[in-house]
Amino acid sequence: MKTLPAADVVIIGGGWTGLLMAKELGSRTALSVVVLERGGPRKTDDYASSMDELDYAVRLRMMQDTSLETVTFRHSSRQRALPLRQHGSFLPGSGVGGAGEHWSGICARFLPDCFELLSRTTEKYGSKRLPEDHAIQDWGITYDDLEPHYTRAEQMMGISGKAGNLRGKQIEGGNIFEGWRSAEYPTPPTKIPYFSSLFREAARTLGYHPYPIPAATTSQPYTNPDGVARPGCFYCGYCERFGCMLGAKAQPTNTLVPVIQKRRKCFHTHWSLGPPNRARRREERQKGTWRYLHRRKGRRSISARGARLFGFLDSQQYSTAAPLGDWRALQP
């Protein structure tokens, strides 16, 4: 087994969450970062050469192979958990970018009420209307706290849409019921198809307020604040379950990876990982050491000097269940 040099931060899972953490850490600190991801690397050209509907949409080429590795499910604690061998609405991705490569690109914000669900519910209906064993909670943060970060994320991904509440002013044509936003969407809404336009006009005549869905597909050429340029969508229809052959749909490989690759001295990525080896030794868990199987280069191990971060819940099975490092060490 080859032991790799220790890194300050090891991130397990190279999807939206994991690669975004890697990008931010590399941009704001001098920490060395290693990203571990199962499956191989991807780039836009790979999709342009093999957009097979049967392979991608039916045989789920980009998804986790449930015959080799899967999750378990049960309806209640009294039942025995059984492995899922068919995908449903939950489509975990495999390879660089994870499910962020094959997502549909719908990208709406949470409503302000979502963050204060308990407070808003008791204010409107009273606390006695809730059962004693309810699990409703406030998030601990509010929409106002997250609004600047929503805006930054939308600018990074080049979200297309129409604001309906711009700094408290309602604007017809957008979602007038959304939370306030400090800026208009980075790109205009995508084109409205003919039948959708008929539905929109019918809804308006009934007094409703239809609006275009915010989408992570750019409606026109766009360059984000990180300097990453992407073309506008040409409406091929291959979004969900497919990677974008043009690069118009925001994906980790065309939005985050280009920024990460500019900092090769700080970042190291290890793709093509095999299923996790669950036989871990206690001393390895305490040291924060990961053993993994590289499909081409064999067994390897790596240690984190600082924090160990998980890019997605599913990636925790690839960890040694080691105690997390002190997050304060990651502050710039």
Protein backbone atom coordinates (compact mmCIF):
# COMPACT_ATOMS: atom_id res chain seq x y z
CA MET A 1 0.00 0.00 0.00
CA LYS A 2 1.30 3.44 -0.91
CA THR A 3 1.02 6.15 1.73
CA LEU A 4 0.56 9.61 0.26
CA PRO A 5 1.86 12.83 1.87
CA ALA A 6 -0.49 14.18 4.53
CA ALA A 7 -2.73 17.12 3.63
CA ASP A 8 -4.21 19.90 5.73
CA VAL A 9 -7.73 19.08 4.59
CA VAL A 10 -9.16 15.89 3.08
CA ILE A 11 -12.57 16.21 1.44
CA ILE A 12 -14.48 13.02 0.70
CA GLY A 13 -16.90 13.47 -2.18
CA GLY A 14 -16.27 15.61 -5.26
CA GLY A 15 -19.76 16.90 -6.08
CA TRP A 16 -21.19 20.40 -5.67
CA THR A 17 -20.58 20.48 -1.92
CA GLY A 18 -17.15 18.88 -1.82
CA LEU A 19 -15.67 20.76 -4.77
CA LEU A 20 -17.19 24.04 -3.58
CA MET A 21 -15.49 23.57 -0.20
CA ALA A 22 -12.23 22.81 -2.02
CA LYS A 23 -12.56 25.91 -4.18
CA GLU A 24 -13.32 28.20 -1.24
CA LEU A 25 -10.52 26.79 0.93
CA GLY A 26 -8.04 27.14 -1.91
CA SER A 27 -9.17 30.67 -2.67
CA ARG A 28 -9.17 31.95 0.91
CA THR A 29 -6.39 30.02 2.65
CA ALA A 30 -2.98 28.50 2.01
CA LEU A 31 -4.11 25.05 3.15
CA SER A 32 -3.31 21.99 1.07
CA VAL A 33 -6.48 20.19 0.02
CA VAL A 34 -7.08 16.65 -1.23
CA VAL A 35 -10.42 15.59 -2.75
CA LEU A 36 -11.35 11.90 -2.86
CA GLU A 37 -14.07 10.86 -5.29
CA ARG A 38 -15.28 7.51 -6.58
CA GLY A 39 -15.57 7.22 -10.34
CA GLY A 40 -13.56 8.86 -13.06
CA PRO A 41 -12.97 12.48 -14.10
CA ARG A 42 -15.33 14.21 -16.51
CA LYS A 43 -15.24 17.12 -18.92
CA THR A 44 -17.73 18.76 -21.29
CA ASP A 45 -16.27 17.09 -24.37
CA ASP A 46 -17.12 13.67 -22.94
CA TYR A 47 -20.83 14.43 -23.16
CA ALA A 48 -20.71 15.85 -26.66
CA SER A 49 -19.39 12.58 -28.07
CA SER A 50 -21.83 10.14 -26.43
CA MET A 51 -25.31 11.51 -25.75
CA ASP A 52 -27.12 8.18 -25.92
CA GLU A 53 -30.68 8.41 -24.49
CA LEU A 54 -30.89 4.67 -23.79
CA ASP A 55 -27.54 4.64 -22.04
CA TYR A 56 -28.07 7.79 -19.94
CA ALA A 57 -31.83 8.10 -19.36
CA VAL A 58 -32.82 4.43 -19.11
CA ARG A 59 -29.67 2.54 -18.10
CA LEU A 60 -28.59 5.45 -15.86
CA ARG A 61 -24.99 5.55 -16.95
CA MET A 62 -24.10 8.43 -14.61
CA MET A 63 -25.65 6.95 -11.48
CA GLN A 64 -24.26 4.77 -8.73
CA ASP A 65 -24.31 1.09 -9.72
CA THR A 66 -26.74 -0.44 -7.22
CA SER A 67 -25.60 -3.97 -8.05
CA LEU A 68 -22.19 -3.13 -6.56
CA GLU A 69 -23.01 -0.61 -3.88
CA THR A 70 -26.24 0.85 -2.58
CA VAL A 71 -28.11 2.19 0.44
CA THR A 72 -30.68 0.45 2.61
CA PHE A 73 -34.24 1.54 3.26
CA ARG A 74 -37.09 0.78 5.67
CA HIS A 75 -40.45 2.40 6.36
CA SER A 76 -40.20 2.21 10.16
CA SER A 77 -37.78 1.20 12.92
CA ARG A 78 -39.69 -2.08 13.33
CA GLN A 79 -38.76 -3.23 9.85
CA ARG A 80 -35.52 -4.73 8.63
CA ALA A 81 -33.59 -2.40 6.32
CA LEU A 82 -33.15 -3.89 2.86
CA PRO A 83 -30.87 -2.77 0.02
CA LEU A 84 -32.31 -0.72 -2.81
CA ARG A 85 -31.52 -2.32 -6.16
CA GLN A 86 -33.46 0.08 -8.39
CA HIS A 87 -33.21 3.84 -8.58
CA GLY A 88 -36.30 5.97 -8.06
CA SER A 89 -36.38 9.72 -7.53
CA PHE A 90 -33.11 9.50 -5.58
CA LEU A 91 -30.33 9.32 -8.18
CA PRO A 92 -26.89 9.43 -6.54
CA GLY A 93 -24.22 10.20 -9.08
CA SER A 94 -20.86 8.54 -9.52
CA GLY A 95 -17.71 10.26 -10.74
CA VAL A 96 -16.44 13.81 -10.58
CA GLY A 97 -19.31 16.23 -10.08
CA GLY A 98 -21.61 13.59 -8.60
CA ALA A 99 -25.32 14.23 -9.02
CA GLY A 100 -24.45 17.83 -9.89
CA GLU A 101 -23.56 16.61 -13.37
CA HIS A 102 -26.92 15.06 -14.20
CA TRP A 103 -29.26 17.37 -12.23
CA SER A 104 -32.10 19.18 -14.00
CA GLY A 105 -30.76 22.62 -13.07
CA ILE A 106 -33.89 23.97 -11.32
CA CYS A 107 -32.49 26.38 -8.76
CA ALA A 108 -35.09 28.22 -6.65
CA ARG A 109 -34.42 29.73 -3.24
CA PHE A 110 -36.14 28.58 -0.07
CA LEU A 111 -38.92 30.88 1.09
CA PRO A 112 -38.34 32.96 4.25
CA ASP A 113 -40.98 30.95 6.13
CA CYS A 114 -38.93 27.77 5.71
CA PHE A 115 -36.21 29.08 8.02
CA GLU A 116 -38.63 30.04 10.81
CA LEU A 117 -41.19 27.28 10.47
CA LEU A 118 -41.81 26.81 14.19
CA SER A 119 -41.99 30.53 14.96
CA ARG A 120 -44.29 31.30 12.04
CA THR A 121 -46.55 28.32 12.76
CA THR A 122 -47.01 29.10 16.45
CA GLU A 123 -47.49 32.79 15.65
CA LYS A 124 -50.33 31.99 13.25
CA TYR A 125 -51.99 28.99 14.91
CA GLY A 126 -50.72 28.97 18.50
CA SER A 127 -48.45 26.45 20.20
CA LYS A 128 -51.38 24.35 21.44
CA ARG A 129 -52.20 23.31 17.88
CA LEU A 130 -48.96 21.34 17.70
CA PRO A 131 -48.61 17.87 19.28
CA GLU A 132 -46.29 17.62 22.27
CA ASP A 133 -43.86 15.33 20.46
CA HIS A 134 -43.59 17.44 17.32
CA ALA A 135 -40.19 17.84 15.67
CA ILE A 136 -40.73 21.22 14.00
CA GLN A 137 -37.83 23.60 14.52
CA ASP A 138 -36.49 26.89 13.28
CA TRP A 139 -33.24 26.64 11.34
CA GLY A 140 -31.31 28.95 13.64
CA ILE A 141 -30.54 31.22 10.71
CA THR A 142 -32.93 33.36 8.70
CA TYR A 143 -33.47 34.10 5.04
CA ASP A 144 -31.94 37.53 5.57
CA ASP A 145 -28.77 35.87 6.89
CA LEU A 146 -28.46 33.72 3.77
CA GLU A 147 -29.56 36.23 1.12
CA PRO A 148 -26.04 37.49 0.28
CA HIS A 149 -24.87 33.89 -0.06
CA TYR A 150 -27.82 33.02 -2.29
CA THR A 151 -26.86 35.92 -4.53
CA ARG A 152 -23.23 34.84 -4.64
CA ALA A 153 -24.17 31.26 -5.50
CA GLU A 154 -26.51 32.42 -8.28
CA GLN A 155 -23.76 34.59 -9.74
CA MET A 156 -21.32 31.70 -9.61
CA MET A 157 -23.71 29.37 -11.44
CA GLY A 158 -25.16 32.00 -13.79
CA ILE A 159 -28.77 31.31 -12.84
CA SER A 160 -31.32 32.50 -15.40
CA GLY A 161 -34.62 33.91 -14.22
CA LYS A 162 -36.69 36.99 -13.42
CA ALA A 163 -36.77 38.65 -9.99
CA GLY A 164 -40.22 39.10 -8.44
CA ASN A 165 -39.14 40.85 -5.24
CA LEU A 166 -36.16 43.11 -5.84
CA ARG A 167 -35.12 44.79 -2.57
CA GLY A 168 -38.72 44.66 -1.34
CA LYS A 169 -40.34 45.92 -4.56
CA GLN A 170 -42.66 43.41 -6.24
CA ILE A 171 -42.07 43.01 -9.97
CA GLU A 172 -44.68 41.43 -12.22
CA GLY A 173 -43.29 38.66 -14.40
CA GLY A 174 -41.24 37.18 -11.57
CA ASN A 175 -42.27 35.30 -8.45
CA ILE A 176 -43.84 38.06 -6.36
CA PHE A 177 -44.16 35.67 -3.41
CA GLU A 178 -40.44 34.94 -3.15
CA GLY A 179 -38.17 36.41 -0.49
CA TRP A 180 -36.51 39.71 -1.28
CA ARG A 181 -33.38 39.60 -3.34
CA SER A 182 -30.60 42.15 -3.51
CA ALA A 183 -29.91 41.73 -7.22
CA GLU A 184 -31.56 40.59 -10.43
CA TYR A 185 -30.71 37.13 -11.76
CA PRO A 186 -27.34 37.01 -13.55
CA THR A 187 -28.94 36.07 -16.89
CA PRO A 188 -32.47 36.62 -18.26
CA PRO A 189 -35.04 33.79 -18.24
CA THR A 190 -34.69 31.01 -20.76
CA LYS A 191 -37.09 31.02 -23.72
CA ILE A 192 -40.72 30.12 -22.99
CA PRO A 193 -41.96 27.27 -25.27
CA TYR A 194 -45.22 27.72 -27.17
CA PHE A 195 -47.45 25.54 -24.97
CA SER A 196 -45.92 27.02 -21.82
CA SER A 197 -46.72 30.49 -23.10
CA LEU A 198 -50.35 29.46 -23.61
CA PHE A 199 -50.49 28.20 -20.03
CA ARG A 200 -48.91 31.43 -18.79
CA GLU A 201 -51.52 33.60 -20.49
CA ALA A 202 -54.36 31.40 -19.24
CA ALA A 203 -53.05 31.62 -15.68
CA ARG A 204 -52.81 35.40 -15.92
CA THR A 205 -56.42 35.71 -17.05
CA LEU A 206 -57.42 33.80 -13.89
CA GLY A 207 -55.56 36.25 -11.67
CA TYR A 208 -52.49 34.14 -10.99
CA HIS A 209 -48.86 35.26 -11.25
CA PRO A 210 -46.90 32.78 -13.40
CA TYR A 211 -43.15 33.18 -13.64
CA PRO A 212 -40.24 31.37 -15.34
CA ILE A 213 -38.50 28.77 -13.20
CA PRO A 214 -34.99 29.80 -12.12
CA ALA A 215 -32.61 27.56 -14.03
CA ALA A 216 -28.90 26.84 -13.84
CA THR A 217 -28.79 26.84 -17.63
CA THR A 218 -27.52 30.18 -18.88
CA SER A 219 -29.85 31.88 -21.37
CA GLN A 220 -26.92 33.75 -22.94
CA PRO A 221 -23.11 33.63 -22.79
CA TYR A 222 -22.00 34.39 -19.25
CA THR A 223 -18.76 34.86 -17.33
CA ASN A 224 -19.03 34.44 -13.57
CA PRO A 225 -17.04 36.36 -10.90
CA ASP A 226 -14.41 33.57 -10.89
CA GLY A 227 -13.73 34.26 -14.57
CA VAL A 228 -15.32 31.01 -15.77
CA ALA A 229 -17.10 31.55 -19.12
CA ARG A 230 -20.00 29.40 -20.33
CA PRO A 231 -22.12 29.62 -23.50
CA GLY A 232 -25.87 30.13 -23.63
CA CYS A 233 -28.30 27.21 -23.77
CA PHE A 234 -29.43 26.04 -27.23
CA TYR A 235 -32.44 24.09 -25.85
CA CYS A 236 -31.51 20.54 -26.80
CA GLY A 237 -33.57 19.13 -23.91
CA TYR A 238 -30.79 16.88 -22.57
CA CYS A 239 -30.62 18.20 -19.00
CA GLU A 240 -31.82 15.78 -16.32
CA ARG A 241 -29.89 12.49 -16.29
CA PHE A 242 -27.41 13.95 -18.76
CA GLY A 243 -24.30 16.08 -18.56
CA CYS A 244 -24.51 19.22 -20.67
CA MET A 245 -22.72 18.70 -24.00
CA LEU A 246 -22.35 22.47 -24.43
CA GLY A 247 -21.52 23.51 -20.88
CA ALA A 248 -24.49 25.86 -20.55
CA LYS A 249 -25.86 23.98 -17.53
CA ALA A 250 -23.92 24.75 -14.37
CA GLN A 251 -22.10 21.61 -13.25
CA PRO A 252 -19.19 21.15 -10.85
CA THR A 253 -16.92 20.16 -13.73
CA ASN A 254 -17.53 23.34 -15.73
CA THR A 255 -18.00 25.79 -12.83
CA LEU A 256 -15.73 24.69 -9.96
CA VAL A 257 -13.09 22.40 -11.45
CA PRO A 258 -11.65 25.10 -13.77
CA VAL A 259 -10.97 27.30 -10.73
CA ILE A 260 -9.49 24.40 -8.75
CA GLN A 261 -7.18 23.39 -11.61
CA LYS A 262 -5.57 26.83 -11.60
CA ARG A 263 -4.22 26.08 -8.13
CA ARG A 264 -2.52 22.75 -8.68
CA LYS A 265 0.10 23.49 -6.02
CA CYS A 266 -2.65 23.53 -3.41
CA PHE A 267 -5.03 20.87 -4.75
CA HIS A 268 -4.64 17.18 -5.38
CA THR A 269 -7.52 15.05 -6.60
CA HIS A 270 -7.84 11.29 -6.51
CA TRP A 271 -10.54 9.92 -8.77
CA SER A 272 -11.62 6.36 -9.64
CA LEU A 273 -12.01 5.13 -6.09
CA GLY A 274 -13.38 1.68 -5.38
CA PRO A 275 -15.97 0.74 -2.72
CA PRO A 276 -14.83 1.47 0.85
CA ASN A 277 -13.01 -1.05 2.96
CA ARG A 278 -15.02 -1.15 6.19
CA ALA A 279 -12.37 -3.05 8.16
CA ARG A 280 -10.69 -0.10 9.87
CA ARG A 281 -8.28 -0.16 12.76
CA ARG A 282 -9.01 2.00 15.81
CA GLU A 283 -5.65 3.77 15.74
CA GLU A 284 -6.20 4.72 12.10
CA ARG A 285 -9.58 6.22 12.90
CA GLN A 286 -8.06 8.31 15.66
CA LYS A 287 -5.31 9.61 13.36
CA GLY A 288 -7.78 10.52 10.62
CA THR A 289 -6.27 8.15 8.07
CA TRP A 290 -8.18 7.03 5.00
CA ARG A 291 -7.49 3.79 3.19
CA TYR A 292 -9.01 3.53 -0.25
CA LEU A 293 -8.74 1.50 -3.42
CA HIS A 294 -7.76 3.33 -6.57
CA ARG A 295 -9.12 1.34 -9.49
CA ARG A 296 -5.94 1.82 -11.54
CA LYS A 297 -3.21 2.46 -8.97
CA GLY A 298 -4.16 0.02 -6.22
CA ARG A 299 -4.48 0.50 -2.46
CA ARG A 300 -3.53 3.84 -0.97
CA SER A 301 -3.82 5.74 2.29
CA ILE A 302 -3.73 9.42 3.18
CA SER A 303 -3.93 11.39 6.43
CA ALA A 304 -5.40 14.79 7.22
CA ARG A 305 -3.40 17.10 9.46
CA GLY A 306 -6.41 19.32 10.04
CA ALA A 307 -10.08 18.82 9.19
CA ARG A 308 -11.84 15.97 7.40
CA LEU A 309 -14.90 17.15 5.51
CA PHE A 310 -17.68 15.22 3.81
CA GLY A 311 -19.11 16.40 0.50
CA PHE A 312 -22.37 14.43 0.89
CA LEU A 313 -24.01 12.09 3.39
CA ASP A 314 -23.30 9.08 1.21
CA SER A 315 -19.59 9.88 1.26
CA GLN A 316 -19.39 9.27 5.00
CA GLN A 317 -19.23 5.54 4.39
CA TYR A 318 -15.87 6.21 2.74
CA SER A 319 -14.55 7.73 5.97
CA THR A 320 -12.99 6.05 8.95
CA ALA A 321 -15.54 7.68 11.27
CA ALA A 322 -12.68 9.74 12.67
CA PRO A 323 -13.49 12.74 14.90
CA LEU A 324 -13.83 15.88 12.80
CA GLY A 325 -11.06 18.43 13.02
CA ASP A 326 -11.53 21.84 14.55
CA TRP A 327 -13.40 23.94 11.96
CA ARG A 328 -11.81 27.08 13.38
CA ALA A 329 -8.50 25.99 11.89
CA LEU A 330 -10.02 26.64 8.46
CA GLN A 331 -10.65 30.32 9.08
CA PRO A 332 -8.66 32.63 6.76
